[in-house]
Amino acid sequence: MGLRLSPAPSTTAARRHALVESPIGPLALVEEDGALAALSVEGAREGPVPDSFGPRDDDVLPHVREQLDAYFAGRLQEFDADVVLHGTPFQVRVWHALAQVPYGTTGTYGQLARTIGAPKAAQAVGAANGRNPVSLLVPCHRIVGANGRLTGYAGGMARKEYLLRLEGALL
C-alpha cells in the first residue's frame, strides 16, 4: 500500500511516543491519532523536539516498529503507514516528493526542486529536507549534492552514509 501522507489538521492532537533501538541509535516514534507524526533519531538537529513527543508509551505504532526492524535487516524497501505531516505547505510538497525517491537510489536538491515545480528553489528544498519530521519513512537521506557528494543530514553524515550503504545506493 505504501505511505499515506497527509497534512496535519489545524487542531493539535494528543501525542504519545515510543523509543526504539536501531543500528543508527535510538529512534523516537511519535504517534498522533493513530498516525506517525515524527520519527527522530537521537541527537538530530532541526528535527522534532522531545518536548513535543507526549508521554512515553512503548506500545504505540507496533506496525511501524516491525517495519523498521525489517528495513534495518534489509528485508523491507517500502514502508506502509499513515503519516501526518506538520509543516508549511512548501515543506509538505517537498516531503511528498521525497517520499517518491526510490529505495536504493539518490536524487539531488535541484532534481527535487524541479519535481515540485520550483526549479530555482534548490536551497529552500534543502532547508525543507533538513526539517523532515519523519526521517527514514520520508527518505531525506537519499538526497545528495549536485556533484553526487554526500551533503548535510540532520542525523549526521555517518548515519546518512550507513543508510545509503544499507540500501545499496552507496558502494
Protein backbone atom coordinates (compact mmCIF):
# COMPACT_ATOMS: atom_id res chain seq x y z
CA MET A 1 0.00 0.00 0.00
CA GLY A 2 2.83 2.44 0.74
CA LEU A 3 2.93 5.64 2.71
CA ARG A 4 -0.22 7.66 3.12
CA LEU A 5 0.96 11.22 3.75
CA SER A 6 -1.46 13.88 4.87
CA PRO A 7 -1.00 17.43 6.10
CA ALA A 8 -1.64 17.93 9.79
CA PRO A 9 -5.09 19.18 10.78
CA SER A 10 -5.28 22.72 12.11
CA THR A 11 -6.01 21.45 15.60
CA THR A 12 -3.31 19.82 17.68
CA ALA A 13 -3.95 16.24 18.72
CA ALA A 14 -2.62 14.39 21.74
CA ARG A 15 0.68 12.63 21.16
CA ARG A 16 2.46 9.60 22.59
CA HIS A 17 5.86 8.22 21.77
CA ALA A 18 7.87 5.03 21.82
CA LEU A 19 11.64 4.66 21.94
CA VAL A 20 13.08 2.03 19.62
CA GLU A 21 16.67 0.82 19.35
CA SER A 22 18.17 0.75 15.87
CA PRO A 23 21.59 0.38 14.23
CA ILE A 24 21.74 4.19 13.88
CA GLY A 25 20.84 4.84 17.51
CA PRO A 26 17.64 5.24 19.49
CA LEU A 27 14.62 6.38 17.48
CA ALA A 28 11.60 8.22 18.88
CA LEU A 29 8.35 7.29 17.13
CA VAL A 30 5.68 9.89 17.80
CA GLU A 31 2.05 8.88 17.32
CA GLU A 32 -0.80 11.31 16.77
CA ASP A 33 -4.35 10.00 16.24
CA GLY A 34 -3.01 6.59 15.18
CA ALA A 35 -0.60 8.04 12.59
CA LEU A 36 3.15 8.60 12.70
CA ALA A 37 3.77 12.32 13.29
CA ALA A 38 7.53 12.17 13.86
CA LEU A 39 10.42 9.77 13.66
CA SER A 40 13.51 11.28 15.19
CA VAL A 41 16.96 9.86 15.75
CA GLU A 42 18.69 10.81 18.98
CA GLY A 43 20.80 13.94 18.62
CA ALA A 44 19.32 15.03 15.28
CA ARG A 45 19.41 18.73 14.63
CA GLU A 46 16.41 20.55 13.16
CA GLY A 47 14.11 17.63 13.91
CA PRO A 48 11.14 17.39 16.23
CA VAL A 49 11.95 18.34 19.80
CA PRO A 50 11.46 15.81 22.62
CA ASP A 51 9.16 18.22 24.49
CA SER A 52 6.62 17.72 21.67
CA PHE A 53 6.63 13.90 21.80
CA GLY A 54 3.99 13.45 24.50
CA PRO A 55 4.14 10.75 27.18
CA ARG A 56 6.16 7.61 26.59
CA ASP A 57 4.18 4.54 25.59
CA ASP A 58 6.26 1.79 24.01
CA ASP A 59 3.10 0.10 22.73
CA VAL A 60 2.39 2.79 20.12
CA LEU A 61 2.78 2.09 16.40
CA PRO A 62 3.81 -1.57 16.60
CA HIS A 63 3.44 -1.96 12.81
CA VAL A 64 5.95 0.86 12.23
CA ARG A 65 8.39 -0.68 14.72
CA GLU A 66 8.13 -4.05 12.93
CA GLN A 67 8.73 -2.38 9.57
CA LEU A 68 11.77 -0.52 10.91
CA ASP A 69 13.23 -3.82 12.14
CA ALA A 70 12.66 -5.34 8.68
CA TYR A 71 14.15 -2.26 6.96
CA PHE A 72 17.33 -2.40 9.06
CA ALA A 73 17.56 -6.15 8.41
CA GLY A 74 17.47 -5.47 4.65
CA ARG A 75 14.07 -7.13 4.18
CA LEU A 76 11.89 -4.03 3.59
CA GLN A 77 12.19 -1.40 0.88
CA GLU A 78 8.86 0.40 1.16
CA PHE A 79 7.07 1.41 4.34
CA ASP A 80 3.31 1.08 4.77
CA ALA A 81 1.99 3.59 7.29
CA ASP A 82 -0.23 6.59 7.83
CA VAL A 83 1.87 9.72 8.33
CA VAL A 84 0.68 13.16 9.37
CA LEU A 85 2.98 15.98 8.25
CA HIS A 86 3.44 19.11 10.35
CA GLY A 87 4.98 21.82 8.19
CA THR A 88 4.38 24.68 5.82
CA PRO A 89 2.63 23.96 2.51
CA PHE A 90 6.03 24.21 0.76
CA GLN A 91 7.65 21.77 3.18
CA VAL A 92 4.78 19.32 2.77
CA ARG A 93 5.21 19.48 -1.04
CA VAL A 94 8.92 18.72 -0.65
CA TRP A 95 8.24 15.84 1.73
CA HIS A 96 5.69 14.34 -0.66
CA ALA A 97 8.31 14.48 -3.43
CA LEU A 98 10.94 12.97 -1.12
CA ALA A 99 8.65 10.03 -0.43
CA GLN A 100 8.81 9.21 -4.17
CA VAL A 101 12.62 8.80 -4.27
CA PRO A 102 13.01 5.02 -4.66
CA TYR A 103 14.92 2.76 -2.32
CA GLY A 104 18.50 2.19 -3.47
CA THR A 105 18.70 5.47 -5.40
CA THR A 106 19.66 9.06 -4.71
CA GLY A 107 18.47 12.38 -6.05
CA THR A 108 19.68 15.94 -5.77
CA TYR A 109 18.19 19.06 -4.27
CA GLY A 110 17.91 20.53 -7.77
CA GLN A 111 16.04 17.48 -9.07
CA LEU A 112 13.67 17.67 -6.13
CA ALA A 113 13.10 21.39 -6.77
CA ARG A 114 12.23 20.65 -10.40
CA THR A 115 9.93 17.81 -9.33
CA ILE A 116 7.83 20.18 -7.22
CA GLY A 117 7.76 22.83 -9.97
CA ALA A 118 10.18 25.24 -8.30
CA PRO A 119 13.40 24.78 -10.30
CA LYS A 120 15.18 27.75 -8.69
CA ALA A 121 14.38 26.67 -5.13
CA ALA A 122 17.10 24.08 -4.50
CA GLN A 123 18.24 25.88 -1.34
CA ALA A 124 14.70 26.09 0.03
CA VAL A 125 14.24 22.42 -0.81
CA GLY A 126 17.41 21.68 1.15
CA ALA A 127 16.06 23.59 4.14
CA ALA A 128 12.74 21.70 3.99
CA ASN A 129 14.63 18.43 3.60
CA GLY A 130 16.54 19.21 6.80
CA ARG A 131 13.30 19.77 8.71
CA ASN A 132 11.69 16.50 7.64
CA PRO A 133 9.87 15.27 10.76
CA VAL A 134 9.61 11.63 9.66
CA SER A 135 13.09 10.63 8.59
CA LEU A 136 13.59 7.15 7.13
CA LEU A 137 9.95 6.81 6.05
CA VAL A 138 10.22 10.06 4.11
CA PRO A 139 13.77 9.34 2.93
CA CYS A 140 15.64 12.65 3.20
CA HIS A 141 18.88 10.65 3.46
CA ARG A 142 18.55 9.82 -0.27
CA ILE A 143 19.22 13.42 -1.33
CA VAL A 144 22.80 14.32 -2.22
CA GLY A 145 24.60 17.34 -3.64
CA ALA A 146 24.55 18.19 -7.36
CA ASN A 147 28.03 16.66 -7.73
CA GLY A 148 26.86 13.39 -6.14
CA ARG A 149 28.65 14.07 -2.86
CA LEU A 150 27.00 13.38 0.45
CA THR A 151 25.79 16.63 1.94
CA GLY A 152 24.10 17.58 5.17
CA TYR A 153 21.89 15.24 7.12
CA ALA A 154 20.17 16.27 10.36
CA GLY A 155 21.03 12.88 11.86
CA GLY A 156 24.71 13.22 10.99
CA MET A 157 26.79 12.20 7.99
CA ALA A 158 27.80 8.81 9.43
CA ARG A 159 24.12 7.86 9.69
CA LYS A 160 23.40 9.09 6.17
CA GLU A 161 26.27 7.03 4.80
CA TYR A 162 25.09 3.97 6.78
CA LEU A 163 21.55 4.25 5.40
CA LEU A 164 22.69 4.70 1.79
CA ARG A 165 25.01 1.69 2.10
CA LEU A 166 22.20 -0.37 3.65
CA GLU A 167 20.02 0.47 0.65
CA GLY A 168 22.77 -0.23 -1.87
CA ALA A 169 22.87 3.37 -3.10
CA LEU A 170 26.48 3.73 -1.95
CA LEU A 171 29.11 1.08 -2.53
